[in-house]
């Protein structure tokens, strides 16, 4: 144009946004490509170390309230570890086929405490007898609570629900499955800041900074085994603080969190012990306890769905077909049945921390997780050796959580790439569901902390828990709100389908629509024909 200023057009690459990826790139080993055996064994042991945190924390919190001593606590830890190994093997072989560790869940703690506080146990004077009676009540509740997940998973009902799940509604569900566990992160580190904070700093240095500061050929050693390196360094440091008398005059609570000789597990653990079904006696059943535990099971179902999706992302797999996720939920229900059969005091869900470890190591191999299941079973049988690793101070474990839970939360945010972030509908659903997912549980938790009971408070504790437990789960509240809004708000608008990213997952709605899905999720031993018939 005459007299105008000519401005050079920017290059096309500069205007091109990052391309959408249905598989996460830069993963060293995906589901079907295992690393060499020596590396796989070390990585499997690392997964075992990470899952020990929840395995120890839950029995440590519950068993003393049941009336159990250190001996009973060790037996419950061994049982939980043994069943977790079995459940992980079943999930990786016959369930979702994802590299997902199945372990104890905090979701079941509240209904278990309700069983502990039930009036029918108040007249039992002998602590050991009281422990066994409460454990038998917990077993009965878990056995019955497994039924809804088994039916929902294997009947295909969950598959039908998940066909309405879009990338937009998956964002709050997956993100809050990780970010929603913030209370287990830095607050746990701060219980002994002198070992928790060094663990967090050393872990970040080894995993994020050192690999970029040294030669490329050896940098994978540090980012893949950062957990082992950092835990050994800080554990030895904590041991020297203990033997050096740093906590000699500290309050008992500080010594419990900081000292390396206060767990009481090694001395109480037997050399060899094999957990077996009904080891605490014949399970007992109470209608109210069963109902409350069933509600917790349904909450765990929703939370595990979010974690399964995060695991598939970090394993560089394609988005999960609804039928595969439904199959995984069915096997998770069988896992809860085994929890009740053996008596673990807690139900099972997908381990969020181990999902985060997949991201840290960039290795999503199924074989690695199966090897970790072997370590779980092996160390559950050899009590003394397993108790040594189970004695890692809790602040060290909490520092690991800070990184792993953050990784899982960011997996949820990664699904924003499929959505139209310039849509006000998208912004409303995202903002409102995430805010409510954080705000409502915060209200329930604060109310409980002040009053000693939840906002729903009647004479029937089981009824209270049936309402308080779901609204205390951030992933459940945020995921349900996002799913409801996404499937009811302006769905008939022609642009909404693309705005919510639904079209990106179309080819993954059925198992055999994409050859990659068959490669990643196909059952072994020619069992797919039975899978197609049943699911």
Protein backbone atom coordinates (compact mmCIF):
# COMPACT_ATOMS: atom_id res chain seq x y z
CA UNK A 1 0.00 0.00 0.00
CA UNK A 2 1.34 3.46 -0.95
CA UNK A 3 2.77 5.39 2.01
CA UNK A 4 2.20 2.48 4.38
CA UNK A 5 4.67 0.67 6.56
CA UNK A 6 5.54 -2.82 5.43
CA UNK A 7 5.82 -5.25 8.37
CA UNK A 8 7.35 -8.62 7.76
CA UNK A 9 4.93 -11.43 8.48
CA UNK A 10 6.05 -13.64 11.33
CA UNK A 11 7.16 -17.11 10.47
CA UNK A 12 4.48 -19.76 10.50
CA UNK A 13 6.34 -21.78 13.16
CA UNK A 14 6.26 -18.85 15.55
CA UNK A 15 2.44 -18.77 15.42
CA UNK A 16 1.99 -22.53 15.57
CA UNK A 17 0.94 -23.71 19.05
CA UNK A 18 2.33 -26.89 20.53
CA UNK A 19 0.71 -29.83 18.71
CA UNK A 20 -1.77 -32.00 20.58
CA UNK A 21 -0.31 -35.35 21.68
CA UNK A 22 -2.57 -38.26 22.56
CA UNK A 23 0.58 -40.04 23.82
CA UNK A 24 3.09 -38.30 26.08
CA UNK A 25 6.43 -38.00 24.25
CA UNK A 26 9.94 -38.39 25.69
CA UNK A 27 9.04 -41.46 27.80
CA UNK A 28 12.00 -43.84 27.78
CA UNK A 29 10.06 -47.09 28.17
CA UNK A 30 6.31 -47.35 27.66
CA UNK A 31 3.98 -50.13 28.84
CA UNK A 32 5.11 -52.85 26.45
CA UNK A 33 8.84 -51.95 26.26
CA UNK A 34 10.63 -53.05 29.46
CA UNK A 35 14.12 -51.77 30.36
CA UNK A 36 17.04 -54.20 30.78
CA UNK A 37 16.60 -56.61 33.70
CA UNK A 38 19.15 -55.06 36.12
CA UNK A 39 17.62 -51.61 35.64
CA UNK A 40 14.09 -53.01 35.81
CA UNK A 41 14.82 -54.71 39.16
CA UNK A 42 16.20 -51.50 40.68
CA UNK A 43 13.23 -49.51 39.37
CA UNK A 44 10.86 -52.11 40.78
CA UNK A 45 12.52 -51.84 44.18
CA UNK A 46 12.11 -48.08 43.97
CA UNK A 47 8.36 -48.47 43.40
CA UNK A 48 8.29 -50.76 46.43
CA UNK A 49 10.01 -48.10 48.57
CA UNK A 50 7.54 -45.43 47.47
CA UNK A 51 4.40 -47.47 48.22
CA UNK A 52 5.70 -48.32 51.72
CA UNK A 53 4.67 -44.88 52.97
CA UNK A 54 0.92 -45.45 52.78
CA UNK A 55 1.34 -49.11 53.73
CA UNK A 56 2.92 -48.11 57.05
CA UNK A 57 1.00 -44.91 57.80
CA UNK A 58 -2.51 -46.44 57.66
CA UNK A 59 -1.89 -49.35 60.10
CA UNK A 60 0.16 -47.04 62.34
CA UNK A 61 -2.87 -44.75 62.64
CA UNK A 62 -5.53 -47.46 63.00
CA UNK A 63 -4.06 -50.43 64.89
CA UNK A 64 -3.38 -48.63 68.20
CA UNK A 65 -6.99 -47.37 68.19
CA UNK A 66 -8.13 -50.96 67.74
CA UNK A 67 -6.20 -52.02 70.82
CA UNK A 68 -3.29 -53.57 68.97
CA UNK A 69 0.37 -53.37 69.96
CA UNK A 70 3.48 -53.21 67.79
CA UNK A 71 3.19 -56.96 67.11
CA UNK A 72 -0.32 -56.55 65.69
CA UNK A 73 0.73 -53.43 63.78
CA UNK A 74 3.55 -55.33 62.08
CA UNK A 75 1.21 -58.20 61.16
CA UNK A 76 -1.27 -55.78 59.59
CA UNK A 77 1.52 -54.03 57.66
CA UNK A 78 2.76 -57.40 56.39
CA UNK A 79 -0.76 -58.39 55.38
CA UNK A 80 -1.42 -55.08 53.62
CA UNK A 81 1.89 -55.38 51.79
CA UNK A 82 1.21 -58.99 50.78
CA UNK A 83 -2.28 -58.25 49.45
CA UNK A 84 -0.99 -55.11 47.66
CA UNK A 85 1.50 -57.30 45.81
CA UNK A 86 -1.24 -59.72 44.76
CA UNK A 87 -3.58 -56.90 43.69
CA UNK A 88 -0.85 -55.19 41.69
CA UNK A 89 -0.06 -58.42 39.84
CA UNK A 90 -3.74 -59.04 39.08
CA UNK A 91 -4.25 -55.46 37.88
CA UNK A 92 -1.23 -55.52 35.55
CA UNK A 93 -2.01 -59.00 34.20
CA UNK A 94 -5.80 -59.07 33.94
CA UNK A 95 -7.16 -55.64 34.90
CA UNK A 96 -6.37 -52.39 33.15
CA UNK A 97 -2.93 -53.76 32.17
CA UNK A 98 -1.47 -50.41 33.17
CA UNK A 99 1.69 -50.12 35.32
CA UNK A 100 -0.47 -49.19 38.30
CA UNK A 101 0.42 -50.12 41.88
CA UNK A 102 -2.64 -51.07 43.94
CA UNK A 103 -2.20 -50.25 47.64
CA UNK A 104 -3.96 -49.10 50.78
CA UNK A 105 -6.25 -46.07 50.56
CA UNK A 106 -6.92 -43.22 52.99
CA UNK A 107 -10.51 -43.10 51.71
CA UNK A 108 -11.38 -46.13 53.85
CA UNK A 109 -9.87 -44.75 57.06
CA UNK A 110 -12.98 -42.82 58.20
CA UNK A 111 -15.42 -45.77 57.98
CA UNK A 112 -12.79 -47.96 59.66
CA UNK A 113 -12.58 -45.49 62.56
CA UNK A 114 -16.37 -45.62 62.78
CA UNK A 115 -16.13 -49.38 63.26
CA UNK A 116 -13.48 -48.85 65.94
CA UNK A 117 -15.75 -46.42 67.83
CA UNK A 118 -18.83 -48.62 67.59
CA UNK A 119 -20.51 -49.17 70.96
CA UNK A 120 -20.54 -52.94 70.56
CA UNK A 121 -16.79 -53.07 71.22
CA UNK A 122 -16.79 -50.88 74.35
CA UNK A 123 -17.36 -53.78 76.76
CA UNK A 124 -14.29 -55.75 75.62
CA UNK A 125 -11.57 -55.33 78.25
CA UNK A 126 -8.72 -57.39 76.76
CA UNK A 127 -6.94 -55.16 74.16
CA UNK A 128 -5.87 -58.11 72.00
CA UNK A 129 -9.39 -59.54 71.92
CA UNK A 130 -10.77 -56.09 71.13
CA UNK A 131 -8.32 -55.75 68.25
CA UNK A 132 -9.39 -59.08 66.76
CA UNK A 133 -13.09 -58.33 67.10
CA UNK A 134 -12.75 -54.91 65.45
CA UNK A 135 -10.60 -56.37 62.68
CA UNK A 136 -13.25 -59.02 62.01
CA UNK A 137 -15.88 -56.28 61.76
CA UNK A 138 -13.66 -54.40 59.31
CA UNK A 139 -13.20 -57.56 57.25
CA UNK A 140 -16.94 -58.07 56.94
CA UNK A 141 -17.51 -54.48 55.87
CA UNK A 142 -14.73 -54.67 53.25
CA UNK A 143 -16.01 -57.96 51.85
CA UNK A 144 -19.42 -56.45 51.25
CA UNK A 145 -17.99 -53.11 50.04
CA UNK A 146 -16.14 -54.90 47.25
CA UNK A 147 -19.40 -56.01 45.62
CA UNK A 148 -20.43 -52.62 44.12
CA UNK A 149 -17.06 -52.15 42.40
CA UNK A 150 -17.07 -55.71 41.08
CA UNK A 151 -20.59 -55.32 39.68
CA UNK A 152 -20.06 -51.80 38.29
CA UNK A 153 -16.75 -52.78 36.70
CA UNK A 154 -17.48 -56.17 35.16
CA UNK A 155 -21.08 -55.43 34.17
CA UNK A 156 -19.90 -52.60 31.92
CA UNK A 157 -21.89 -49.98 33.83
CA UNK A 158 -18.78 -47.88 34.44
CA UNK A 159 -17.92 -48.20 30.75
CA UNK A 160 -21.26 -46.60 29.92
CA UNK A 161 -20.59 -43.69 32.33
CA UNK A 162 -17.07 -43.10 31.04
CA UNK A 163 -18.25 -42.72 27.46
CA UNK A 164 -19.56 -39.32 28.52
CA UNK A 165 -16.19 -38.32 30.01
CA UNK A 166 -14.45 -35.65 27.95
CA UNK A 167 -10.95 -34.15 28.33
CA UNK A 168 -12.61 -31.11 29.93
CA UNK A 169 -14.31 -33.06 32.71
CA UNK A 170 -11.19 -35.22 33.13
CA UNK A 171 -9.06 -32.20 34.04
CA UNK A 172 -10.54 -31.56 37.54
CA UNK A 173 -10.87 -35.30 38.24
CA UNK A 174 -7.23 -36.13 37.51
CA UNK A 175 -5.77 -32.85 38.77
CA UNK A 176 -7.51 -33.09 42.15
CA UNK A 177 -6.52 -36.75 42.48
CA UNK A 178 -3.00 -35.35 42.87
CA UNK A 179 -3.29 -31.76 44.09
CA UNK A 180 -6.10 -32.75 46.47
CA UNK A 181 -3.63 -34.68 48.64
CA UNK A 182 -1.67 -31.56 49.58
CA UNK A 183 -2.34 -32.20 53.28
CA UNK A 184 -0.05 -35.26 53.11
CA UNK A 185 2.79 -33.25 51.56
CA UNK A 186 4.54 -30.34 53.21
CA UNK A 187 2.57 -30.54 56.50
CA UNK A 188 4.16 -33.98 56.87
CA UNK A 189 7.58 -32.58 55.96
CA UNK A 190 7.21 -29.88 58.63
CA UNK A 191 6.66 -32.48 61.38
CA UNK A 192 10.44 -32.85 61.33
CA UNK A 193 11.72 -30.05 59.15
CA UNK A 194 15.40 -30.88 59.76
CA UNK A 195 15.10 -34.14 57.79
CA UNK A 196 11.97 -33.51 55.70
CA UNK A 197 13.22 -30.34 54.02
CA UNK A 198 16.68 -31.77 53.19
CA UNK A 199 14.94 -34.78 51.63
CA UNK A 200 12.84 -32.51 49.41
CA UNK A 201 15.84 -30.40 48.39
CA UNK A 202 18.11 -33.40 47.72
CA UNK A 203 15.39 -35.15 45.69
CA UNK A 204 14.90 -32.11 43.45
CA UNK A 205 18.64 -31.58 43.04
CA UNK A 206 19.31 -35.20 42.06
CA UNK A 207 16.32 -35.59 39.78
CA UNK A 208 16.13 -32.18 38.09
CA UNK A 209 19.47 -30.36 38.28
CA UNK A 210 22.27 -32.95 38.32
CA UNK A 211 21.17 -34.71 35.08
CA UNK A 212 21.54 -31.40 33.21
CA UNK A 213 24.88 -30.59 34.80
CA UNK A 214 26.75 -33.77 33.88
CA UNK A 215 27.51 -35.70 30.72
CA UNK A 216 24.43 -36.86 28.80
CA UNK A 217 25.44 -40.53 28.69
CA UNK A 218 25.20 -40.92 32.47
CA UNK A 219 22.45 -38.47 33.39
CA UNK A 220 19.67 -41.11 33.37
CA UNK A 221 21.18 -42.78 36.43
CA UNK A 222 20.26 -39.81 38.60
CA UNK A 223 16.79 -38.93 37.37
CA UNK A 224 15.68 -42.58 37.26
CA UNK A 225 17.03 -43.53 40.69
CA UNK A 226 16.67 -40.20 42.47
CA UNK A 227 14.40 -41.73 45.12
CA UNK A 228 16.92 -44.40 46.10
CA UNK A 229 19.83 -41.94 46.18
CA UNK A 230 18.00 -39.24 48.14
CA UNK A 231 16.38 -41.58 50.66
CA UNK A 232 19.71 -43.27 51.45
CA UNK A 233 21.49 -39.92 51.88
CA UNK A 234 18.86 -38.36 54.14
CA UNK A 235 18.15 -41.58 56.06
CA UNK A 236 21.84 -41.88 56.95
CA UNK A 237 21.84 -38.17 57.90
CA UNK A 238 18.80 -38.74 60.13
CA UNK A 239 20.52 -41.75 61.73
CA UNK A 240 23.56 -39.67 62.66
CA UNK A 241 21.28 -37.02 64.14
CA UNK A 242 19.61 -39.73 66.22
CA UNK A 243 22.78 -41.39 67.55
CA UNK A 244 24.37 -37.99 68.05
CA UNK A 245 21.70 -37.08 70.59
CA UNK A 246 20.09 -34.27 68.58
CA UNK A 247 16.63 -35.26 69.85
CA UNK A 248 17.56 -36.43 73.33
CA UNK A 249 15.60 -33.70 75.09
CA UNK A 250 12.93 -33.16 72.43
CA UNK A 251 9.22 -33.76 73.11
CA UNK A 252 8.02 -37.35 72.52
CA UNK A 253 6.06 -36.33 69.42
CA UNK A 254 9.17 -34.80 67.83
CA UNK A 255 11.20 -37.89 68.64
CA UNK A 256 8.55 -40.10 67.06
CA UNK A 257 8.77 -38.21 63.76
CA UNK A 258 12.50 -37.48 63.69
CA UNK A 259 14.34 -40.41 65.28
CA UNK A 260 15.15 -43.48 63.22
CA UNK A 261 14.72 -45.88 66.17
CA UNK A 262 11.15 -45.09 67.26
CA UNK A 263 9.09 -47.05 64.71
CA UNK A 264 9.13 -50.23 66.83
CA UNK A 265 8.72 -52.40 63.73
CA UNK A 266 12.01 -54.32 63.51
CA UNK A 267 11.87 -55.69 67.04
CA UNK A 268 8.21 -56.68 66.77
CA UNK A 269 8.44 -58.26 63.31
CA UNK A 270 8.76 -62.07 62.97
CA UNK A 271 11.51 -63.48 60.81
CA UNK A 272 9.12 -65.35 58.53
CA UNK A 273 5.33 -65.17 58.42
CA UNK A 274 2.82 -65.96 55.68
CA UNK A 275 -0.47 -63.98 55.80
CA UNK A 276 -3.53 -66.15 55.22
CA UNK A 277 -7.30 -65.60 54.83
CA UNK A 278 -9.39 -65.12 57.98
CA UNK A 279 -6.24 -64.94 60.13
CA UNK A 280 -8.12 -62.77 62.65
CA UNK A 281 -11.14 -65.05 62.79
CA UNK A 282 -14.53 -65.25 61.07
CA UNK A 283 -15.68 -61.86 59.69
CA UNK A 284 -18.70 -60.22 61.31
CA UNK A 285 -21.27 -58.07 59.55
CA UNK A 286 -23.15 -54.96 60.62
CA UNK A 287 -25.56 -53.27 58.21
CA UNK A 288 -24.56 -49.69 59.09
CA UNK A 289 -20.83 -50.40 58.88
CA UNK A 290 -21.27 -52.18 55.55
CA UNK A 291 -23.24 -49.29 54.07
CA UNK A 292 -20.65 -46.69 55.15
CA UNK A 293 -17.83 -48.81 53.73
CA UNK A 294 -19.74 -49.23 50.46
CA UNK A 295 -19.99 -45.46 50.09
CA UNK A 296 -16.24 -45.18 50.68
CA UNK A 297 -15.75 -47.85 48.00
CA UNK A 298 -17.74 -45.78 45.48
CA UNK A 299 -15.68 -42.69 46.34
CA UNK A 300 -12.50 -44.74 45.85
CA UNK A 301 -13.86 -45.88 42.47
CA UNK A 302 -14.05 -42.27 41.25
CA UNK A 303 -10.64 -41.35 42.69
CA UNK A 304 -9.00 -44.40 41.12
CA UNK A 305 -10.50 -43.51 37.75
CA UNK A 306 -8.58 -40.23 37.84
CA UNK A 307 -5.37 -41.96 38.88
CA UNK A 308 -5.75 -44.64 36.20
CA UNK A 309 -5.97 -41.87 33.60
CA UNK A 310 -2.81 -40.24 35.00
CA UNK A 311 -0.97 -43.59 34.91
CA UNK A 312 -1.94 -44.13 31.26
CA UNK A 313 -0.61 -40.67 30.45
CA UNK A 314 2.76 -41.17 32.14
CA UNK A 315 3.11 -44.65 30.66
CA UNK A 316 2.88 -43.01 27.20
CA UNK A 317 -0.21 -45.04 26.44
CA UNK A 318 -3.21 -43.88 24.44
CA UNK A 319 -6.26 -42.56 26.33
CA UNK A 320 -7.96 -45.41 28.16
CA UNK A 321 -10.91 -47.00 26.33
CA UNK A 322 -13.92 -47.00 28.71
CA UNK A 323 -14.15 -50.80 28.55
CA UNK A 324 -10.54 -51.17 29.74
CA UNK A 325 -11.04 -48.74 32.62
CA UNK A 326 -14.22 -50.58 33.58
CA UNK A 327 -12.28 -53.84 33.60
CA UNK A 328 -9.65 -52.28 35.84
CA UNK A 329 -12.33 -51.09 38.28
CA UNK A 330 -13.75 -54.61 38.40
CA UNK A 331 -10.36 -56.03 39.35
CA UNK A 332 -9.92 -53.27 41.91
CA UNK A 333 -13.17 -54.53 43.45
CA UNK A 334 -11.63 -58.00 43.64
CA UNK A 335 -8.66 -56.32 45.35
CA UNK A 336 -10.96 -54.90 48.05
CA UNK A 337 -12.48 -58.38 48.44
CA UNK A 338 -8.97 -59.75 49.08
CA UNK A 339 -8.42 -56.94 51.62
CA UNK A 340 -11.46 -58.17 53.50
CA UNK A 341 -10.48 -61.81 53.10
CA UNK A 342 -7.00 -61.35 54.58
CA UNK A 343 -7.80 -58.46 56.95
CA UNK A 344 -5.79 -55.36 55.99
CA UNK A 345 -7.92 -52.77 57.90
CA UNK A 346 -8.18 -50.72 54.69
CA UNK A 347 -9.47 -51.04 51.15
CA UNK A 348 -7.35 -50.63 48.02
CA UNK A 349 -7.07 -48.02 45.30
CA UNK A 350 -4.51 -47.05 42.68
CA UNK A 351 -1.42 -45.59 44.36
CA UNK A 352 -1.15 -41.89 43.48
CA UNK A 353 2.46 -41.68 44.65
CA UNK A 354 3.56 -44.52 42.36
CA UNK A 355 1.78 -42.83 39.45
CA UNK A 356 3.94 -39.78 40.16
CA UNK A 357 7.06 -41.97 40.23
CA UNK A 358 6.32 -43.00 36.64
CA UNK A 359 6.61 -39.34 35.69
CA UNK A 360 9.84 -38.81 37.64
CA UNK A 361 11.60 -41.80 36.08
CA UNK A 362 9.91 -41.46 32.66
CA UNK A 363 9.53 -45.22 32.65
CA UNK A 364 6.02 -46.61 32.33
CA UNK A 365 6.96 -50.25 31.90
CA UNK A 366 4.45 -52.84 33.07
CA UNK A 367 7.27 -55.25 33.89
CA UNK A 368 8.83 -52.80 36.36
CA UNK A 369 5.61 -52.59 38.37
CA UNK A 370 5.21 -56.37 38.30
CA UNK A 371 8.72 -56.67 39.72
CA UNK A 372 7.75 -54.21 42.46
CA UNK A 373 4.79 -56.50 43.26
CA UNK A 374 7.31 -59.32 43.69
CA UNK A 375 9.24 -57.19 46.18
CA UNK A 376 6.01 -56.49 48.10
CA UNK A 377 5.22 -60.17 48.46
CA UNK A 378 8.84 -61.13 49.24
CA UNK A 379 9.35 -58.56 52.00
CA UNK A 380 5.89 -59.23 53.45
CA UNK A 381 7.00 -62.81 54.10
CA UNK A 382 10.43 -61.89 55.51
CA UNK A 383 9.23 -59.66 58.32
CA UNK A 384 12.55 -58.44 59.75
CA UNK A 385 13.94 -57.32 56.41
CA UNK A 386 10.71 -55.67 55.37
CA UNK A 387 10.46 -53.86 58.71
CA UNK A 388 13.85 -52.21 58.12
CA UNK A 389 12.60 -50.40 55.03
CA UNK A 390 9.22 -49.74 56.65
CA UNK A 391 11.03 -47.80 59.40
CA UNK A 392 11.92 -44.89 57.08
CA UNK A 393 10.89 -41.71 58.97
CA UNK A 394 7.53 -40.32 57.82
CA UNK A 395 8.86 -36.80 56.94
CA UNK A 396 11.13 -38.40 54.32
CA UNK A 397 8.08 -40.08 52.77
CA UNK A 398 6.09 -36.81 52.91
CA UNK A 399 8.86 -35.05 50.97
CA UNK A 400 8.50 -37.65 48.21
CA UNK A 401 4.77 -36.99 48.15
CA UNK A 402 5.37 -33.29 47.43
CA UNK A 403 6.87 -34.22 44.09
CA UNK A 404 4.73 -37.22 43.15
CA UNK A 405 1.33 -35.70 43.94
CA UNK A 406 2.34 -32.61 41.97
CA UNK A 407 3.18 -34.76 38.95
CA UNK A 408 -0.23 -36.48 39.06
CA UNK A 409 -1.99 -33.12 39.35
CA UNK A 410 -0.10 -31.80 36.34
CA UNK A 411 -1.20 -34.87 34.35
CA UNK A 412 -4.75 -33.59 34.77
CA UNK A 413 -3.76 -30.13 33.58
CA UNK A 414 -2.17 -31.67 30.47
CA UNK A 415 -5.65 -32.51 29.14
CA UNK A 416 -6.29 -28.80 28.70
CA UNK A 417 -4.43 -29.13 25.38
CA UNK A 418 -7.56 -30.82 23.97
CA UNK A 419 -9.94 -28.05 25.15
CA UNK A 420 -10.79 -24.58 23.88
CA UNK A 421 -9.47 -22.34 26.66
CA UNK A 422 -10.94 -19.26 24.95
CA UNK A 423 -14.47 -20.50 25.62
CA UNK A 424 -16.32 -19.01 28.59
CA UNK A 425 -18.15 -22.31 29.02
CA UNK A 426 -14.81 -24.06 29.43
CA UNK A 427 -13.56 -21.44 31.87
CA UNK A 428 -16.71 -21.68 34.00
CA UNK A 429 -16.65 -25.49 34.24
CA UNK A 430 -12.93 -25.61 34.97
CA UNK A 431 -12.86 -22.80 37.49
CA UNK A 432 -16.04 -23.69 39.32
CA UNK A 433 -15.40 -27.44 39.58
CA UNK A 434 -11.80 -27.06 40.78
CA UNK A 435 -12.74 -24.35 43.28
CA UNK A 436 -15.69 -26.32 44.65
CA UNK A 437 -13.56 -29.46 44.67
CA UNK A 438 -11.14 -27.73 47.02
CA UNK A 439 -13.56 -25.53 48.97
CA UNK A 440 -16.27 -28.04 49.97
CA UNK A 441 -13.87 -30.67 51.40
CA UNK A 442 -11.99 -27.89 53.20
CA UNK A 443 -15.24 -26.88 54.92
CA UNK A 444 -15.99 -30.48 55.92
CA UNK A 445 -12.44 -31.03 57.22
CA UNK A 446 -12.36 -27.77 59.18
CA UNK A 447 -15.77 -28.45 60.69
CA UNK A 448 -14.63 -31.92 61.77
CA UNK A 449 -11.38 -30.59 63.24
CA UNK A 450 -13.23 -28.04 65.39
CA UNK A 451 -16.37 -29.95 66.37
CA UNK A 452 -14.99 -33.48 66.42
CA UNK A 453 -17.62 -34.63 63.92
CA UNK A 454 -18.67 -33.70 60.39
CA UNK A 455 -21.38 -31.26 59.29
CA UNK A 456 -23.75 -34.24 58.93
CA UNK A 457 -24.25 -35.29 62.54
CA UNK A 458 -27.00 -37.66 63.65
CA UNK A 459 -27.21 -40.48 66.19
CA UNK A 460 -26.20 -42.96 63.48
CA UNK A 461 -22.46 -42.76 62.81
CA UNK A 462 -22.72 -44.90 59.67
CA UNK A 463 -25.18 -42.43 58.14
CA UNK A 464 -22.90 -39.50 59.02
CA UNK A 465 -19.94 -41.17 57.34
CA UNK A 466 -22.01 -42.04 54.27
CA UNK A 467 -22.38 -38.30 53.59
CA UNK A 468 -19.24 -36.87 55.17
CA UNK A 469 -16.79 -39.18 53.36
CA UNK A 470 -17.82 -38.27 49.76
CA UNK A 471 -17.82 -34.53 50.47
CA UNK A 472 -14.38 -34.79 52.06
CA UNK A 473 -12.82 -36.14 48.86
CA UNK A 474 -11.54 -33.37 46.61
CA UNK A 475 -11.24 -35.55 43.50
CA UNK A 476 -14.75 -36.92 44.02
CA UNK A 477 -16.41 -33.52 44.51
CA UNK A 478 -14.52 -31.76 41.71
CA UNK A 479 -14.82 -34.67 39.28
CA UNK A 480 -18.56 -35.17 39.81
CA UNK A 481 -19.30 -31.43 39.49
CA UNK A 482 -17.25 -31.13 36.27
CA UNK A 483 -18.82 -34.29 34.80
CA UNK A 484 -22.35 -33.07 35.55
CA UNK A 485 -21.82 -29.55 34.19
CA UNK A 486 -19.98 -30.76 31.09
CA UNK A 487 -22.79 -33.14 30.16
CA UNK A 488 -25.74 -30.82 30.89
CA UNK A 489 -24.61 -27.29 30.01
CA UNK A 490 -25.27 -26.21 26.38
CA UNK A 491 -24.60 -29.70 25.01
CA UNK A 492 -26.77 -29.09 21.95
CA UNK A 493 -24.57 -26.20 20.81
CA UNK A 494 -22.61 -27.36 17.75
CA UNK A 495 -19.33 -25.83 18.96
CA UNK A 496 -19.44 -27.40 22.42
CA UNK A 497 -18.24 -30.83 21.26
CA UNK A 498 -14.93 -29.37 20.08
CA UNK A 499 -14.65 -26.92 22.95
CA UNK A 500 -14.74 -29.77 25.48
CA UNK A 501 -12.25 -31.80 23.42
CA UNK A 502 -14.63 -34.72 23.08
CA UNK A 503 -13.73 -35.33 19.43
CA UNK A 504 -10.08 -36.00 20.29
CA UNK A 505 -11.04 -39.15 22.19
CA UNK A 506 -13.58 -40.49 19.67
CA UNK A 507 -11.30 -43.16 18.27
CA UNK A 508 -10.51 -44.44 21.75
CA UNK A 509 -14.14 -44.99 22.79
CA UNK A 510 -13.91 -48.61 21.63
CA UNK A 511 -11.09 -51.01 22.40
CA UNK A 512 -10.25 -52.07 18.85
CA UNK A 513 -10.65 -48.74 17.03
CA UNK A 514 -6.94 -47.93 17.37
CA UNK A 515 -4.18 -50.56 17.02
CA UNK A 516 -2.21 -48.93 19.85
CA UNK A 517 -5.01 -49.66 22.29
CA UNK A 518 -4.85 -53.35 21.36
CA UNK A 519 -1.06 -53.28 21.84
CA UNK A 520 -1.20 -51.65 25.27
CA UNK A 521 -4.31 -53.13 26.87
CA UNK A 522 -4.80 -56.55 25.26
CA UNK A 523 -5.09 -59.41 27.77
CA UNK A 524 -2.48 -62.21 27.85
CA UNK A 525 -3.05 -65.92 27.30
CA UNK A 526 -5.66 -65.32 24.55
CA UNK A 527 -8.20 -64.11 27.11
CA UNK A 528 -9.54 -61.26 24.97
CA UNK A 529 -12.36 -63.40 23.61
CA UNK A 530 -13.74 -63.74 27.15
CA UNK A 531 -13.18 -60.03 27.71
CA UNK A 532 -15.26 -59.06 24.68
CA UNK A 533 -18.08 -61.33 25.74
CA UNK A 534 -18.24 -60.06 29.32
CA UNK A 535 -17.38 -56.38 28.92
